[in-house]
Amino acid sequence: MRKLSLLTLLILSISALLISACAGGQAYAQTPAPSGAETPRTLSVTGTGKSYLVPDIVYIYIGVHTENPEASKAVAENTARSQKVTEALKKFNIDAKDIQTTNFSIYPQQQFDSQGKVTGVLYIVDNTVYVALRDLTKIGDLLDAVVNAGANTISGISFDVEDKTAAMAEARAAAVEDAKKQAEELAKAAGVTLGEIMNISTYASTPYPIYDGRGGGGAAMQAAVPISPGQTVLQVDVSITYTLK
């Protein structure tokens, strides 16, 4: 019994030492940092700026799709029609660098009857070019010309502004001004004073079309195929973090 009591006492002593050590470590971890290392008070705001642009370039996917039970005939027909489409494009004085082949494919497609039985194979040939047109007054005429030349797949018509440098600068400046105005209003309402800027980050969106009735290039083209470039907007968001005094 005496041995048991001594053993119990020893265990209790060791436990007390461990608890004391842990308590000491916890107290050390909770020691407050020096006042000079305190995190400064901050205010973060996000401003938005927009710049409106009239497109000066259009991108179009123009293709020729042919089908034939014989692969060679499908290719031959596609090649002949594609050459005519290329000749039609040249009449619009489009630079060679603005015409790029994006797809040329040949693949078989099985044909079935009403009972689900294979009746043969049809070969599909696609030839697609990506065209950049810089004279937007010719959009409708160009589309009419390539269709008459043999193009039967036209898609992905998108308008853009080739040089966005000035528009981007304008949108950034407007976004910074918007963020600054918000920060000043919030600081005044909270009874604090803005300090230095700690951080600035920015994000610019891809120009997108707008439909709010703003002017500038919105009239439809007078051509066989009516296409309107409309207007696009470039948006920039700026996030700014200020210190507070």
Foldseek 3Di string as FASTA:
>chain_A
DVVVVVVVVVVVVVVVVVVVVVVVVVVVVPDDDDPVPDDFAKDKFKFKFKFKFFFQKKKKKWKFKFKDLDQVVRVVVRVQLVVLLVVLVVVLVFDPVQKAKDDWDKDKDFDADPVRDTDGIMIMIMTIIMGMDRHVLCVQVSVVSSVVSHTDDMDDIATDHPDCVVRVVRGVVNGVVRRVVVVVVVCVVVVWDWDDWDDKDKDKDGWDADDPPDDDQQDWHPHPDTDGSHMTMIMMMMMIMTGID
